[in-house]
Amino acid sequence: MRVRKADSSLLAPEGEALDVTAYWRRRENEGDVTISPLPKAKTRTDKGEA
């Protein structure tokens, strides 16, 4: 399924970070998209490097 964003461009199939607006709430209510929290960014620790 392809879903258009409010600006008429296509939403990436893997999803995108977007502001949740009334437009996206309507798409969610219609079953076109699933709104989920962003995955937590992995923090990198460089232990042991000089």
Protein backbone atom coordinates (compact mmCIF):
# COMPACT_ATOMS: atom_id res chain seq x y z
CA MET A 1 0.00 0.00 0.00
CA ARG A 2 1.25 3.49 -0.79
CA VAL A 3 0.22 6.35 1.48
CA ARG A 4 0.51 9.99 0.51
CA LYS A 5 1.72 12.62 2.92
CA ALA A 6 -0.12 15.93 3.28
CA ASP A 7 2.24 17.48 0.68
CA SER A 8 1.27 14.73 -1.84
CA SER A 9 4.66 12.96 -1.69
CA LEU A 10 4.69 9.26 -0.78
CA LEU A 11 5.39 7.98 2.71
CA ALA A 12 8.44 5.69 2.77
CA PRO A 13 7.38 2.01 3.05
CA GLU A 14 9.62 1.53 6.10
CA GLY A 15 8.12 4.61 7.76
CA GLU A 16 9.37 8.09 8.53
CA ALA A 17 9.69 10.40 11.50
CA LEU A 18 6.93 12.98 11.05
CA ASP A 19 4.97 15.37 13.22
CA VAL A 20 1.69 13.82 14.32
CA THR A 21 -1.00 16.13 12.98
CA ALA A 22 -4.74 15.84 12.40
CA TYR A 23 -3.90 14.58 8.90
CA TRP A 24 -1.98 11.58 10.32
CA ARG A 25 -4.61 10.92 13.00
CA ARG A 26 -7.21 10.64 10.21
CA ARG A 27 -4.95 8.24 8.26
CA GLU A 28 -4.52 6.18 11.44
CA ASN A 29 -8.28 6.12 12.11
CA GLU A 30 -8.87 4.93 8.53
CA GLY A 31 -6.30 2.13 9.00
CA ASP A 32 -3.85 3.52 6.44
CA VAL A 33 -0.93 3.98 8.86
CA THR A 34 0.17 2.99 12.32
CA ILE A 35 1.59 5.73 14.52
CA SER A 36 4.30 4.44 16.82
CA PRO A 37 6.98 6.02 19.00
CA LEU A 38 10.40 6.50 17.48
CA PRO A 39 12.87 3.73 18.25
CA LYS A 40 15.41 4.72 20.84
CA ALA A 41 18.70 5.78 19.34
CA LYS A 42 21.54 3.43 20.11
CA THR A 43 24.31 5.09 22.03
CA ARG A 44 27.82 4.17 21.13
CA THR A 45 30.53 3.92 23.73
CA ASP A 46 34.13 3.88 22.64
CA LYS A 47 35.68 2.20 25.64
CA GLY A 48 39.24 1.10 25.34
CA GLU A 49 40.16 3.33 22.39
CA ALA A 50 43.09 5.70 22.62
